[in-house]
Amino acid sequence: MMWAGLAQGQTLLTGGDLGGWTVQSFVGETRYEVVNDPLQGSVLQGTAEGSASALGFERVIDTSATPWLDWRWQVVTAPTLAAPEQSKAGDDYAARVYVVRKGSFGLFSTRSLVYVHSSDHQPGEIWDSPYTGKVKMMAVTSGNDGEWVSVRRNLAEDWAAAFGSPVDELDGVALMVDADNSGSTAVARFGDIRLAAQ
């Protein structure tokens, strides 16, 4: 189901409530559950034990009306990597937030920009997914495991930086905690995720 964009923005996730979110499994099932954080209250926690599954929220995002994506996350446990993140063996992240643009030819033309908590890269660095050039990775936090971090990103500007061309509309947001390639454990918590006009 596609939802029309709202000019003033929308909260996609609050208090860990997964209404409107759907599961997509890649390798096994990451466990997503609402937990009580002593500083943040009710939040969503993802625990991956050699697994990789995502939660997606499908909606039309007008990047001129709501160009900003705001969220909070905390990396509790980062995956144990034996290979660089730019390799398939090292492509595990405790915390990811995706924005997705569907193409005219289904999965073959779908592109994604993935914001990650990185072990190898500094915030602002962009690189190709080791699986496909249609997915670009951008580090937004690193090296602050255990701390709650607030992130604000301009979707239109980041998309242009990653793909070399602007985007006026996106088709959804997803989040993921994964540790399938390393066969290790990753745990992260997510606070509010919100689209904003300014």
C-alpha atoms as a PDB file:
ATOM      1  CA  MET A   1       0.000   0.000   0.000  1.00  0.00           C
ATOM      2  CA  MET A   2       1.413   3.407  -0.978  1.00  0.00           C
ATOM      3  CA  TRP A   3       0.621   6.392   1.195  1.00  0.00           C
ATOM      4  CA  ALA A   4       0.434   9.984  -0.068  1.00  0.00           C
ATOM      5  CA  GLY A   5       3.118  12.328   1.241  1.00  0.00           C
ATOM      6  CA  LEU A   6       2.297  14.861   3.955  1.00  0.00           C
ATOM      7  CA  ALA A   7       3.694  18.372   3.642  1.00  0.00           C
ATOM      8  CA  GLN A   8       4.389  18.764   7.367  1.00  0.00           C
ATOM      9  CA  GLY A   9       6.058  15.386   7.805  1.00  0.00           C
ATOM     10  CA  GLN A  10       5.142  12.225   9.635  1.00  0.00           C
ATOM     11  CA  THR A  11       6.464  10.135  12.499  1.00  0.00           C
ATOM     12  CA  LEU A  12       7.097   6.665  11.102  1.00  0.00           C
ATOM     13  CA  LEU A  13       8.272   5.036  14.324  1.00  0.00           C
ATOM     14  CA  THR A  14       7.625   6.115  17.894  1.00  0.00           C
ATOM     15  CA  GLY A  15       7.748   4.166  21.140  1.00  0.00           C
ATOM     16  CA  GLY A  16       8.763   1.062  19.191  1.00  0.00           C
ATOM     17  CA  ASP A  17       5.247   0.795  17.680  1.00  0.00           C
ATOM     18  CA  LEU A  18       5.529  -1.256  14.468  1.00  0.00           C
ATOM     19  CA  GLY A  19       2.138  -0.326  13.049  1.00  0.00           C
ATOM     20  CA  GLY A  20       2.652   0.088   9.282  1.00  0.00           C
ATOM     21  CA  TRP A  21       6.002  -1.728   9.308  1.00  0.00           C
ATOM     22  CA  THR A  22       6.493  -5.114   7.607  1.00  0.00           C
ATOM     23  CA  VAL A  23       9.238  -7.733   7.893  1.00  0.00           C
ATOM     24  CA  GLN A  24      11.557  -8.699   5.044  1.00  0.00           C
ATOM     25  CA  SER A  25      13.869 -11.629   5.782  1.00  0.00           C
ATOM     26  CA  PHE A  26      17.209 -12.182   4.033  1.00  0.00           C
ATOM     27  CA  VAL A  27      18.999 -14.698   6.270  1.00  0.00           C
ATOM     28  CA  GLY A  28      17.083 -15.942   9.285  1.00  0.00           C
ATOM     29  CA  GLU A  29      15.169 -13.536  11.499  1.00  0.00           C
ATOM     30  CA  THR A  30      16.531 -10.589  13.436  1.00  0.00           C
ATOM     31  CA  ARG A  31      14.434 -10.302  16.608  1.00  0.00           C
ATOM     32  CA  TYR A  32      12.697  -6.923  16.885  1.00  0.00           C
ATOM     33  CA  GLU A  33      10.937  -6.093  20.141  1.00  0.00           C
ATOM     34  CA  VAL A  34       9.857  -3.124  22.231  1.00  0.00           C
ATOM     35  CA  VAL A  35      12.051  -2.606  25.292  1.00  0.00           C
ATOM     36  CA  ASN A  36      12.230   0.018  28.013  1.00  0.00           C
ATOM     37  CA  ASP A  37      15.358   2.142  27.832  1.00  0.00           C
ATOM     38  CA  PRO A  38      16.215   3.985  31.075  1.00  0.00           C
ATOM     39  CA  LEU A  39      16.949   7.202  29.169  1.00  0.00           C
ATOM     40  CA  GLN A  40      14.569   7.022  26.199  1.00  0.00           C
ATOM     41  CA  GLY A  41      11.528   5.087  27.425  1.00  0.00           C
ATOM     42  CA  SER A  42       9.920   2.587  25.048  1.00  0.00           C
ATOM     43  CA  VAL A  43      12.125   1.963  21.996  1.00  0.00           C
ATOM     44  CA  LEU A  44      12.580  -0.695  19.344  1.00  0.00           C
ATOM     45  CA  GLN A  45      15.459  -3.131  19.859  1.00  0.00           C
ATOM     46  CA  GLY A  46      16.840  -5.370  17.137  1.00  0.00           C
ATOM     47  CA  THR A  47      18.982  -8.405  17.968  1.00  0.00           C
ATOM     48  CA  ALA A  48      20.717 -10.282  15.154  1.00  0.00           C
ATOM     49  CA  GLU A  49      22.401 -13.592  15.896  1.00  0.00           C
ATOM     50  CA  GLY A  50      23.923 -14.585  12.584  1.00  0.00           C
ATOM     51  CA  SER A  51      20.775 -13.233  10.937  1.00  0.00           C
ATOM     52  CA  ALA A  52      19.609 -10.436   8.648  1.00  0.00           C
ATOM     53  CA  SER A  53      16.010  -9.272   8.398  1.00  0.00           C
ATOM     54  CA  ALA A  54      14.652  -5.766   7.904  1.00  0.00           C
ATOM     55  CA  LEU A  55      11.546  -3.791   8.784  1.00  0.00           C
ATOM     56  CA  GLY A  56      10.103  -1.604   6.045  1.00  0.00           C
ATOM     57  CA  PHE A  57       7.612   1.257   5.975  1.00  0.00           C
ATOM     58  CA  GLU A  58       6.243   1.798   2.477  1.00  0.00           C
ATOM     59  CA  ARG A  59       5.091   5.316   1.606  1.00  0.00           C
ATOM     60  CA  VAL A  60       5.652   8.011  -0.982  1.00  0.00           C
ATOM     61  CA  ILE A  61       8.153  10.631   0.220  1.00  0.00           C
ATOM     62  CA  ASP A  62       8.151  13.968  -1.609  1.00  0.00           C
ATOM     63  CA  THR A  63      11.726  15.128  -1.029  1.00  0.00           C
ATOM     64  CA  SER A  64      10.845  18.750  -1.742  1.00  0.00           C
ATOM     65  CA  ALA A  65       8.037  18.798   0.864  1.00  0.00           C
ATOM     66  CA  THR A  66       9.740  16.587   3.482  1.00  0.00           C
ATOM     67  CA  PRO A  67      13.461  16.527   2.683  1.00  0.00           C
ATOM     68  CA  TRP A  68      14.614  15.687   6.210  1.00  0.00           C
ATOM     69  CA  LEU A  69      14.774  12.297   7.892  1.00  0.00           C
ATOM     70  CA  ASP A  70      15.395  12.417  11.649  1.00  0.00           C
ATOM     71  CA  TRP A  71      16.026   9.460  13.942  1.00  0.00           C
ATOM     72  CA  ARG A  72      17.821   8.277  17.084  1.00  0.00           C
ATOM     73  CA  TRP A  73      19.732   5.046  17.532  1.00  0.00           C
ATOM     74  CA  GLN A  74      22.041   3.338  19.965  1.00  0.00           C
ATOM     75  CA  VAL A  75      24.505   0.608  19.061  1.00  0.00           C
ATOM     76  CA  VAL A  76      24.519  -1.783  22.011  1.00  0.00           C
ATOM     77  CA  THR A  77      26.662  -4.500  20.425  1.00  0.00           C
ATOM     78  CA  ALA A  78      28.497  -4.126  17.108  1.00  0.00           C
ATOM     79  CA  PRO A  79      29.047  -7.237  14.961  1.00  0.00           C
ATOM     80  CA  THR A  80      32.482  -8.840  15.126  1.00  0.00           C
ATOM     81  CA  LEU A  81      33.961  -8.380  11.661  1.00  0.00           C
ATOM     82  CA  ALA A  82      36.888 -10.356  10.255  1.00  0.00           C
ATOM     83  CA  ALA A  83      36.785  -8.517   6.904  1.00  0.00           C
ATOM     84  CA  PRO A  84      36.376  -4.891   5.718  1.00  0.00           C
ATOM     85  CA  GLU A  85      32.851  -3.513   5.506  1.00  0.00           C
ATOM     86  CA  GLN A  86      33.280  -2.962   1.760  1.00  0.00           C
ATOM     87  CA  SER A  87      33.563  -6.733   1.256  1.00  0.00           C
ATOM     88  CA  LYS A  88      30.673  -9.219   1.248  1.00  0.00           C
ATOM     89  CA  ALA A  89      32.154 -10.990   4.279  1.00  0.00           C
ATOM     90  CA  GLY A  90      32.194  -7.709   6.224  1.00  0.00           C
ATOM     91  CA  ASP A  91      28.843  -6.297   5.121  1.00  0.00           C
ATOM     92  CA  ASP A  92      27.255  -6.379   8.593  1.00  0.00           C
ATOM     93  CA  TYR A  93      26.041  -3.346  10.545  1.00  0.00           C
ATOM     94  CA  ALA A  94      24.513  -3.036  13.976  1.00  0.00           C
ATOM     95  CA  ALA A  95      22.267  -0.246  12.712  1.00  0.00           C
ATOM     96  CA  ARG A  96      21.016   0.666   9.243  1.00  0.00           C
ATOM     97  CA  VAL A  97      18.297   2.997   7.979  1.00  0.00           C
ATOM     98  CA  TYR A  98      17.410   2.746   4.278  1.00  0.00           C
ATOM     99  CA  VAL A  99      15.570   5.037   1.906  1.00  0.00           C
ATOM    100  CA  VAL A 100      14.359   3.333  -1.275  1.00  0.00           C
ATOM    101  CA  ARG A 101      13.455   4.421  -4.819  1.00  0.00           C
ATOM    102  CA  LYS A 102      11.595   1.851  -6.896  1.00  0.00           C
ATOM    103  CA  GLY A 103      12.333   1.747 -10.625  1.00  0.00           C
ATOM    104  CA  SER A 104      10.150   0.937 -13.610  1.00  0.00           C
ATOM    105  CA  PHE A 105      11.574  -2.591 -13.865  1.00  0.00           C
ATOM    106  CA  GLY A 106      11.011  -3.854 -10.323  1.00  0.00           C
ATOM    107  CA  LEU A 107      13.933  -5.145  -8.295  1.00  0.00           C
ATOM    108  CA  PHE A 108      16.323  -4.763 -11.221  1.00  0.00           C
ATOM    109  CA  SER A 109      15.996  -0.986 -11.155  1.00  0.00           C
ATOM    110  CA  THR A 110      15.362  -0.351  -7.440  1.00  0.00           C
ATOM    111  CA  ARG A 111      17.986   1.855  -5.792  1.00  0.00           C
ATOM    112  CA  SER A 112      18.658   2.377  -2.087  1.00  0.00           C
ATOM    113  CA  LEU A 113      20.693   4.739   0.043  1.00  0.00           C
ATOM    114  CA  VAL A 114      21.659   3.071   3.313  1.00  0.00           C
ATOM    115  CA  TYR A 115      22.694   5.099   6.349  1.00  0.00           C
ATOM    116  CA  VAL A 116      24.886   2.994   8.640  1.00  0.00           C
ATOM    117  CA  HIS A 117      26.773   2.965  11.900  1.00  0.00           C
ATOM    118  CA  SER A 118      30.212   2.083  10.563  1.00  0.00           C
ATOM    119  CA  SER A 119      33.223   0.386  12.096  1.00  0.00           C
ATOM    120  CA  ASP A 120      35.560   1.233   9.186  1.00  0.00           C
ATOM    121  CA  HIS A 121      34.389   4.598   7.824  1.00  0.00           C
ATOM    122  CA  GLN A 122      34.016   8.146   9.085  1.00  0.00           C
ATOM    123  CA  PRO A 123      30.659   9.956   8.961  1.00  0.00           C
ATOM    124  CA  GLY A 124      29.997  11.351   5.497  1.00  0.00           C
ATOM    125  CA  GLU A 125      31.902   8.664   3.588  1.00  0.00           C
ATOM    126  CA  ILE A 126      29.979   6.937   0.779  1.00  0.00           C
ATOM    127  CA  TRP A 127      30.744   3.613  -0.911  1.00  0.00           C
ATOM    128  CA  ASP A 128      29.025   0.986  -3.047  1.00  0.00           C
ATOM    129  CA  SER A 129      27.423  -2.046  -1.486  1.00  0.00           C
ATOM    130  CA  PRO A 130      29.633  -5.082  -2.231  1.00  0.00           C
ATOM    131  CA  TYR A 131      26.552  -6.725  -3.757  1.00  0.00           C
ATOM    132  CA  THR A 132      25.395  -4.038  -6.209  1.00  0.00           C
ATOM    133  CA  GLY A 133      26.138  -0.498  -7.326  1.00  0.00           C
ATOM    134  CA  LYS A 134      22.428   0.273  -7.061  1.00  0.00           C
ATOM    135  CA  VAL A 135      22.839   0.374  -3.276  1.00  0.00           C
ATOM    136  CA  LYS A 136      25.016   3.114  -1.798  1.00  0.00           C
ATOM    137  CA  MET A 137      26.227   3.047   1.776  1.00  0.00           C
ATOM    138  CA  MET A 138      26.760   6.234   3.809  1.00  0.00           C
ATOM    139  CA  ALA A 139      28.347   6.289   7.263  1.00  0.00           C
ATOM    140  CA  VAL A 140      26.502   8.668   9.589  1.00  0.00           C
ATOM    141  CA  THR A 141      27.885   7.515  12.957  1.00  0.00           C
ATOM    142  CA  SER A 142      30.897   5.517  14.091  1.00  0.00           C
ATOM    143  CA  GLY A 143      32.849   4.673  17.212  1.00  0.00           C
ATOM    144  CA  ASN A 144      30.211   5.669  19.751  1.00  0.00           C
ATOM    145  CA  ASP A 145      28.848   2.273  20.794  1.00  0.00           C
ATOM    146  CA  GLY A 146      26.645   2.538  23.863  1.00  0.00           C
ATOM    147  CA  GLU A 147      25.605   6.158  23.286  1.00  0.00           C
ATOM    148  CA  TRP A 148      22.263   7.391  21.988  1.00  0.00           C
ATOM    149  CA  VAL A 149      22.898   9.472  18.884  1.00  0.00           C
ATOM    150  CA  SER A 150      20.491  11.776  17.047  1.00  0.00           C
ATOM    151  CA  VAL A 151      20.818  11.836  13.264  1.00  0.00           C
ATOM    152  CA  ARG A 152      19.321  14.339  10.789  1.00  0.00           C
ATOM    153  CA  ARG A 153      19.853  13.848   7.061  1.00  0.00           C
ATOM    154  CA  ASN A 154      18.686  15.783   4.004  1.00  0.00           C
ATOM    155  CA  LEU A 155      17.435  13.001   1.727  1.00  0.00           C
ATOM    156  CA  ALA A 156      17.584  14.941  -1.523  1.00  0.00           C
ATOM    157  CA  GLU A 157      21.131  16.192  -0.914  1.00  0.00           C
ATOM    158  CA  ASP A 158      22.418  12.801   0.228  1.00  0.00           C
ATOM    159  CA  TRP A 159      20.813  11.028  -2.737  1.00  0.00           C
ATOM    160  CA  ALA A 160      22.472  13.420  -5.172  1.00  0.00           C
ATOM    161  CA  ALA A 161      25.835  12.945  -3.435  1.00  0.00           C
ATOM    162  CA  ALA A 162      25.496   9.152  -3.558  1.00  0.00           C
ATOM    163  CA  PHE A 163      24.039   8.651  -7.030  1.00  0.00           C
ATOM    164  CA  GLY A 164      25.127  11.802  -8.863  1.00  0.00           C
ATOM    165  CA  SER A 165      21.581  12.890  -9.716  1.00  0.00           C
ATOM    166  CA  PRO A 166      18.671  14.365  -7.756  1.00  0.00           C
ATOM    167  CA  VAL A 167      15.552  12.509  -6.662  1.00  0.00           C
ATOM    168  CA  ASP A 168      12.132  14.117  -6.214  1.00  0.00           C
ATOM    169  CA  GLU A 169      10.325  11.119  -4.769  1.00  0.00           C
ATOM    170  CA  LEU A 170      11.204   8.079  -2.666  1.00  0.00           C
ATOM    171  CA  ASP A 171       9.070   5.035  -1.959  1.00  0.00           C
ATOM    172  CA  GLY A 172       9.842   3.996   1.585  1.00  0.00           C
ATOM    173  CA  VAL A 173      12.078   3.707   4.631  1.00  0.00           C
ATOM    174  CA  ALA A 174      13.523   0.575   6.225  1.00  0.00           C
ATOM    175  CA  LEU A 175      15.711  -0.295   9.188  1.00  0.00           C
ATOM    176  CA  MET A 176      17.850  -3.323   9.881  1.00  0.00           C
ATOM    177  CA  VAL A 177      20.200  -4.948  12.376  1.00  0.00           C
ATOM    178  CA  ASP A 178      22.299  -7.675  10.741  1.00  0.00           C
ATOM    179  CA  ALA A 179      25.177 -10.025  11.529  1.00  0.00           C
ATOM    180  CA  ASP A 180      24.706 -12.806   8.973  1.00  0.00           C
ATOM    181  CA  ASN A 181      27.961 -12.489   7.036  1.00  0.00           C
ATOM    182  CA  SER A 182      30.125 -12.518  10.155  1.00  0.00           C
ATOM    183  CA  GLY A 183      28.011 -15.104  11.984  1.00  0.00           C
ATOM    184  CA  SER A 184      28.256 -12.897  15.064  1.00  0.00           C
ATOM    185  CA  THR A 185      25.809 -10.894  17.194  1.00  0.00           C
ATOM    186  CA  ALA A 186      24.619  -7.311  16.761  1.00  0.00           C
ATOM    187  CA  VAL A 187      22.187  -5.354  18.913  1.00  0.00           C
ATOM    188  CA  ALA A 188      20.844  -1.835  18.347  1.00  0.00           C
ATOM    189  CA  ARG A 189      17.986   0.323  19.587  1.00  0.00           C
ATOM    190  CA  PHE A 190      15.921   2.790  17.569  1.00  0.00           C
ATOM    191  CA  GLY A 191      14.007   5.783  18.896  1.00  0.00           C
ATOM    192  CA  ASP A 192      11.657   7.966  16.851  1.00  0.00           C
ATOM    193  CA  ILE A 193      12.042   8.023  13.073  1.00  0.00           C
ATOM    194  CA  ARG A 194      10.419  11.041  11.458  1.00  0.00           C
ATOM    195  CA  LEU A 195      10.096  12.786   8.128  1.00  0.00           C
ATOM    196  CA  ALA A 196      10.226  16.559   8.489  1.00  0.00           C
ATOM    197  CA  ALA A 197       9.687  19.634   6.332  1.00  0.00           C
ATOM    198  CA  GLN A 198      12.404  21.621   8.087  1.00  0.00           C
END
